[in-house]
C-alpha atoms as a PDB file:
ATOM      1  CA  UNK A   1     -13.712  14.153 -12.030  1.00  0.00           C
ATOM      2  CA  UNK A   2     -17.273  13.304 -12.880  1.00  0.00           C
ATOM      3  CA  UNK A   3     -19.505  10.445 -12.425  1.00  0.00           C
ATOM      4  CA  UNK A   4     -18.806   9.410 -16.061  1.00  0.00           C
ATOM      5  CA  UNK A   5     -15.725   7.642 -14.977  1.00  0.00           C
ATOM      6  CA  UNK A   6     -17.645   5.366 -12.541  1.00  0.00           C
ATOM      7  CA  UNK A   7     -16.072   3.647  -9.500  1.00  0.00           C
ATOM      8  CA  UNK A   8     -12.481   3.980 -10.622  1.00  0.00           C
ATOM      9  CA  UNK A   9     -12.504   7.666  -9.358  1.00  0.00           C
ATOM     10  CA  UNK A  10     -13.325   6.794  -5.902  1.00  0.00           C
ATOM     11  CA  UNK A  11     -11.568   3.355  -5.389  1.00  0.00           C
ATOM     12  CA  UNK A  12      -9.095   3.066  -2.417  1.00  0.00           C
ATOM     13  CA  UNK A  13      -5.679   1.691  -3.321  1.00  0.00           C
ATOM     14  CA  UNK A  14      -5.566  -2.107  -3.912  1.00  0.00           C
ATOM     15  CA  UNK A  15      -2.988  -4.168  -2.394  1.00  0.00           C
ATOM     16  CA  UNK A  16      -1.819  -7.660  -2.957  1.00  0.00           C
ATOM     17  CA  UNK A  17       1.012  -9.737  -1.475  1.00  0.00           C
ATOM     18  CA  UNK A  18       3.162 -11.949  -3.746  1.00  0.00           C
ATOM     19  CA  UNK A  19       5.747 -14.342  -2.963  1.00  0.00           C
ATOM     20  CA  UNK A  20       8.606 -14.334  -5.437  1.00  0.00           C
ATOM     21  CA  UNK A  21      10.033 -17.852  -6.395  1.00  0.00           C
ATOM     22  CA  UNK A  22      13.125 -18.783  -8.264  1.00  0.00           C
ATOM     23  CA  UNK A  23      10.959 -20.459 -10.719  1.00  0.00           C
ATOM     24  CA  UNK A  24       9.048 -17.335 -11.441  1.00  0.00           C
ATOM     25  CA  UNK A  25      12.179 -15.410 -11.951  1.00  0.00           C
ATOM     26  CA  UNK A  26      13.652 -18.106 -14.283  1.00  0.00           C
ATOM     27  CA  UNK A  27      10.574 -18.302 -16.244  1.00  0.00           C
ATOM     28  CA  UNK A  28      10.466 -14.472 -16.901  1.00  0.00           C
ATOM     29  CA  UNK A  29      14.113 -14.427 -17.710  1.00  0.00           C
ATOM     30  CA  UNK A  30      13.738 -17.263 -20.219  1.00  0.00           C
ATOM     31  CA  UNK A  31      10.836 -15.628 -21.804  1.00  0.00           C
ATOM     32  CA  UNK A  32      12.511 -12.237 -22.093  1.00  0.00           C
ATOM     33  CA  UNK A  33      15.738 -13.890 -23.595  1.00  0.00           C
ATOM     34  CA  UNK A  34      17.902 -12.868 -20.538  1.00  0.00           C
ATOM     35  CA  UNK A  35      20.706 -15.414 -20.164  1.00  0.00           C
ATOM     36  CA  UNK A  36      22.786 -13.849 -17.368  1.00  0.00           C
ATOM     37  CA  UNK A  37      23.303 -16.623 -14.794  1.00  0.00           C
ATOM     38  CA  UNK A  38      22.444 -14.464 -11.764  1.00  0.00           C
ATOM     39  CA  UNK A  39      18.759 -14.720 -12.940  1.00  0.00           C
ATOM     40  CA  UNK A  40      18.859 -18.477 -13.243  1.00  0.00           C
ATOM     41  CA  UNK A  41      21.430 -20.016 -10.886  1.00  0.00           C
ATOM     42  CA  UNK A  42      21.307 -19.160  -6.993  1.00  0.00           C
ATOM     43  CA  UNK A  43      24.788 -20.149  -6.481  1.00  0.00           C
ATOM     44  CA  UNK A  44      25.967 -17.794  -9.258  1.00  0.00           C
ATOM     45  CA  UNK A  45      23.991 -14.988  -7.699  1.00  0.00           C
ATOM     46  CA  UNK A  46      25.409 -15.670  -4.239  1.00  0.00           C
ATOM     47  CA  UNK A  47      29.008 -15.710  -5.698  1.00  0.00           C
ATOM     48  CA  UNK A  48      28.169 -12.223  -7.112  1.00  0.00           C
ATOM     49  CA  UNK A  49      27.239 -11.000  -3.710  1.00  0.00           C
ATOM     50  CA  UNK A  50      23.425 -11.381  -3.838  1.00  0.00           C
ATOM     51  CA  UNK A  51      21.292 -13.361  -1.349  1.00  0.00           C
ATOM     52  CA  UNK A  52      19.412 -15.481  -4.247  1.00  0.00           C
ATOM     53  CA  UNK A  53      18.340 -15.186  -7.872  1.00  0.00           C
ATOM     54  CA  UNK A  54      17.769 -11.674  -8.931  1.00  0.00           C
ATOM     55  CA  UNK A  55      14.714 -10.586 -10.568  1.00  0.00           C
ATOM     56  CA  UNK A  56      15.609  -9.261 -14.115  1.00  0.00           C
ATOM     57  CA  UNK A  57      14.741  -5.792 -15.294  1.00  0.00           C
ATOM     58  CA  UNK A  58      10.956  -5.346 -15.653  1.00  0.00           C
ATOM     59  CA  UNK A  59      10.297  -8.658 -13.807  1.00  0.00           C
ATOM     60  CA  UNK A  60       8.164  -6.614 -11.364  1.00  0.00           C
ATOM     61  CA  UNK A  61       5.705  -6.068 -14.230  1.00  0.00           C
ATOM     62  CA  UNK A  62       4.814  -9.812 -14.187  1.00  0.00           C
ATOM     63  CA  UNK A  63       3.783  -9.343 -10.579  1.00  0.00           C
ATOM     64  CA  UNK A  64       1.914  -6.260 -11.051  1.00  0.00           C
ATOM     65  CA  UNK A  65      -0.082  -7.351 -14.243  1.00  0.00           C
ATOM     66  CA  UNK A  66      -1.490 -10.389 -12.351  1.00  0.00           C
ATOM     67  CA  UNK A  67      -2.796  -8.201  -9.599  1.00  0.00           C
ATOM     68  CA  UNK A  68      -6.553  -8.971  -9.033  1.00  0.00           C
ATOM     69  CA  UNK A  69      -6.823 -10.877 -12.315  1.00  0.00           C
ATOM     70  CA  UNK A  70      -6.980 -14.411 -11.074  1.00  0.00           C
ATOM     71  CA  UNK A  71     -10.838 -14.751 -11.430  1.00  0.00           C
ATOM     72  CA  UNK A  72     -13.289 -17.351 -12.818  1.00  0.00           C
ATOM     73  CA  UNK A  73     -13.886 -16.791 -16.562  1.00  0.00           C
ATOM     74  CA  UNK A  74     -17.513 -15.602 -15.857  1.00  0.00           C
ATOM     75  CA  UNK A  75     -16.183 -12.668 -14.064  1.00  0.00           C
ATOM     76  CA  UNK A  76     -14.063 -11.504 -17.101  1.00  0.00           C
ATOM     77  CA  UNK A  77     -14.995  -9.659 -20.288  1.00  0.00           C
ATOM     78  CA  UNK A  78     -14.517 -11.122 -23.755  1.00  0.00           C
ATOM     79  CA  UNK A  79     -11.099  -9.259 -23.674  1.00  0.00           C
ATOM     80  CA  UNK A  80     -10.014 -10.928 -20.291  1.00  0.00           C
ATOM     81  CA  UNK A  81     -10.607  -7.800 -18.214  1.00  0.00           C
ATOM     82  CA  UNK A  82     -12.433  -8.052 -14.816  1.00  0.00           C
ATOM     83  CA  UNK A  83     -16.101  -7.054 -15.397  1.00  0.00           C
ATOM     84  CA  UNK A  84     -15.880  -4.642 -12.341  1.00  0.00           C
ATOM     85  CA  UNK A  85     -13.042  -2.845 -14.173  1.00  0.00           C
ATOM     86  CA  UNK A  86     -14.472   0.471 -15.431  1.00  0.00           C
ATOM     87  CA  UNK A  87     -12.273   0.018 -18.619  1.00  0.00           C
ATOM     88  CA  UNK A  88     -13.639  -3.659 -19.207  1.00  0.00           C
ATOM     89  CA  UNK A  89     -16.027  -2.603 -22.149  1.00  0.00           C
ATOM     90  CA  UNK A  90     -13.837   0.211 -23.688  1.00  0.00           C
ATOM     91  CA  UNK A  91     -11.120   0.011 -26.301  1.00  0.00           C
ATOM     92  CA  UNK A  92      -8.020   0.337 -24.349  1.00  0.00           C
ATOM     93  CA  UNK A  93      -4.361   0.652 -25.407  1.00  0.00           C
ATOM     94  CA  UNK A  94      -1.179   1.265 -23.251  1.00  0.00           C
ATOM     95  CA  UNK A  95      -0.125   4.804 -22.761  1.00  0.00           C
ATOM     96  CA  UNK A  96       3.056   6.187 -21.053  1.00  0.00           C
ATOM     97  CA  UNK A  97       4.954   4.288 -18.354  1.00  0.00           C
ATOM     98  CA  UNK A  98       7.460   5.625 -16.057  1.00  0.00           C
ATOM     99  CA  UNK A  99       9.537   3.508 -13.701  1.00  0.00           C
ATOM    100  CA  UNK A 100      11.965   4.367 -10.847  1.00  0.00           C
ATOM    101  CA  UNK A 101      14.015   1.556  -9.301  1.00  0.00           C
ATOM    102  CA  UNK A 102      15.034   1.862  -5.664  1.00  0.00           C
ATOM    103  CA  UNK A 103      16.042  -1.639  -5.014  1.00  0.00           C
ATOM    104  CA  UNK A 104      16.296  -5.138  -6.356  1.00  0.00           C
ATOM    105  CA  UNK A 105      13.674  -8.048  -6.199  1.00  0.00           C
ATOM    106  CA  UNK A 106      15.145 -11.432  -5.220  1.00  0.00           C
ATOM    107  CA  UNK A 107      13.759 -15.053  -5.045  1.00  0.00           C
ATOM    108  CA  UNK A 108      12.251 -15.578  -1.617  1.00  0.00           C
ATOM    109  CA  UNK A 109      11.038 -11.918  -1.213  1.00  0.00           C
ATOM    110  CA  UNK A 110       7.482 -11.094  -0.146  1.00  0.00           C
ATOM    111  CA  UNK A 111       6.452  -8.222  -2.130  1.00  0.00           C
ATOM    112  CA  UNK A 112       3.457  -6.048  -1.354  1.00  0.00           C
ATOM    113  CA  UNK A 113       2.097  -4.350  -4.349  1.00  0.00           C
ATOM    114  CA  UNK A 114      -0.072  -1.375  -4.010  1.00  0.00           C
ATOM    115  CA  UNK A 115      -2.059   0.022  -6.935  1.00  0.00           C
ATOM    116  CA  UNK A 116      -3.627   3.475  -6.810  1.00  0.00           C
ATOM    117  CA  UNK A 117      -5.795   5.244  -9.226  1.00  0.00           C
ATOM    118  CA  UNK A 118      -4.132   8.616  -9.854  1.00  0.00           C
ATOM    119  CA  UNK A 119      -6.733  10.355 -12.161  1.00  0.00           C
ATOM    120  CA  UNK A 120      -8.332  10.539 -15.536  1.00  0.00           C
ATOM    121  CA  UNK A 121      -8.095  13.299 -18.181  1.00  0.00           C
ATOM    122  CA  UNK A 122     -10.462  13.538 -21.187  1.00  0.00           C
ATOM    123  CA  UNK A 123      -8.795  14.787 -24.383  1.00  0.00           C
ATOM    124  CA  UNK A 124      -9.907  15.365 -28.005  1.00  0.00           C
ATOM    125  CA  UNK A 125      -7.812  13.811 -30.715  1.00  0.00           C
ATOM    126  CA  UNK A 126      -8.039  13.635 -34.487  1.00  0.00           C
ATOM    127  CA  UNK A 127     -10.345  10.672 -34.331  1.00  0.00           C
ATOM    128  CA  UNK A 128     -12.536  11.821 -31.533  1.00  0.00           C
ATOM    129  CA  UNK A 129     -12.651  12.068 -27.683  1.00  0.00           C
ATOM    130  CA  UNK A 130     -10.631   9.742 -25.427  1.00  0.00           C
ATOM    131  CA  UNK A 131      -9.776   9.332 -21.783  1.00  0.00           C
ATOM    132  CA  UNK A 132      -6.332   8.803 -20.356  1.00  0.00           C
ATOM    133  CA  UNK A 133      -6.443   6.920 -17.077  1.00  0.00           C
ATOM    134  CA  UNK A 134      -3.358   7.215 -14.778  1.00  0.00           C
ATOM    135  CA  UNK A 135      -2.310   4.600 -12.175  1.00  0.00           C
ATOM    136  CA  UNK A 136       0.461   4.152  -9.793  1.00  0.00           C
ATOM    137  CA  UNK A 137       1.952   0.799  -8.643  1.00  0.00           C
ATOM    138  CA  UNK A 138       4.412   0.671  -5.817  1.00  0.00           C
ATOM    139  CA  UNK A 139       6.437  -2.601  -4.949  1.00  0.00           C
ATOM    140  CA  UNK A 140       7.559  -2.973  -1.310  1.00  0.00           C
ATOM    141  CA  UNK A 141       9.651  -5.496   0.431  1.00  0.00           C
ATOM    142  CA  UNK A 142       8.464  -4.842   4.023  1.00  0.00           C
ATOM    143  CA  UNK A 143       8.454  -1.080   4.327  1.00  0.00           C
ATOM    144  CA  UNK A 144      11.216  -0.690   1.701  1.00  0.00           C
ATOM    145  CA  UNK A 145      10.024   0.826  -1.652  1.00  0.00           C
ATOM    146  CA  UNK A 146      11.759  -1.045  -4.406  1.00  0.00           C
ATOM    147  CA  UNK A 147       9.927   0.008  -7.398  1.00  0.00           C
ATOM    148  CA  UNK A 148       7.741   2.931  -8.145  1.00  0.00           C
ATOM    149  CA  UNK A 149       5.794   2.659 -11.553  1.00  0.00           C
ATOM    150  CA  UNK A 150       3.273   5.227 -13.042  1.00  0.00           C
ATOM    151  CA  UNK A 151       1.386   4.152 -16.091  1.00  0.00           C
ATOM    152  CA  UNK A 152      -1.499   5.260 -18.223  1.00  0.00           C
ATOM    153  CA  UNK A 153      -4.217   3.569 -20.339  1.00  0.00           C
ATOM    154  CA  UNK A 154      -5.994   5.264 -23.092  1.00  0.00           C
ATOM    155  CA  UNK A 155      -9.717   4.501 -23.522  1.00  0.00           C
ATOM    156  CA  UNK A 156     -12.402   5.240 -25.902  1.00  0.00           C
END
């Protein structure tokens, strides 16, 4: 990696703690059109053998996407990306995402999210050069890894 990539190449993993609420799970389930009652009703979830309302598939993404993005407007680019993000002034599209589930997120959980910059690769395409930035987010309850997500962003 070269200096062309700026601070992202040397940034230490970022961590954030999130408290998962029943309301957050319900809102995500409603927005995603998920009607299974174990995502809405704690009693139904308990009768099914769970300790509380269950986070639906991909609920974790709502936790990870908010990481470090609750900031005053004057700290954000026109596109809403933090000004100290090296991708803030690039045209960015989502690339590949790979997810491995090792456990379930429940209402009441305290989730520690760790985001690590994995690397960047410069490629030449039909419409010019672009960079593929790869990141990894891990979601823990205590020391237990629940979800491991690797994703990329393509920037010009």
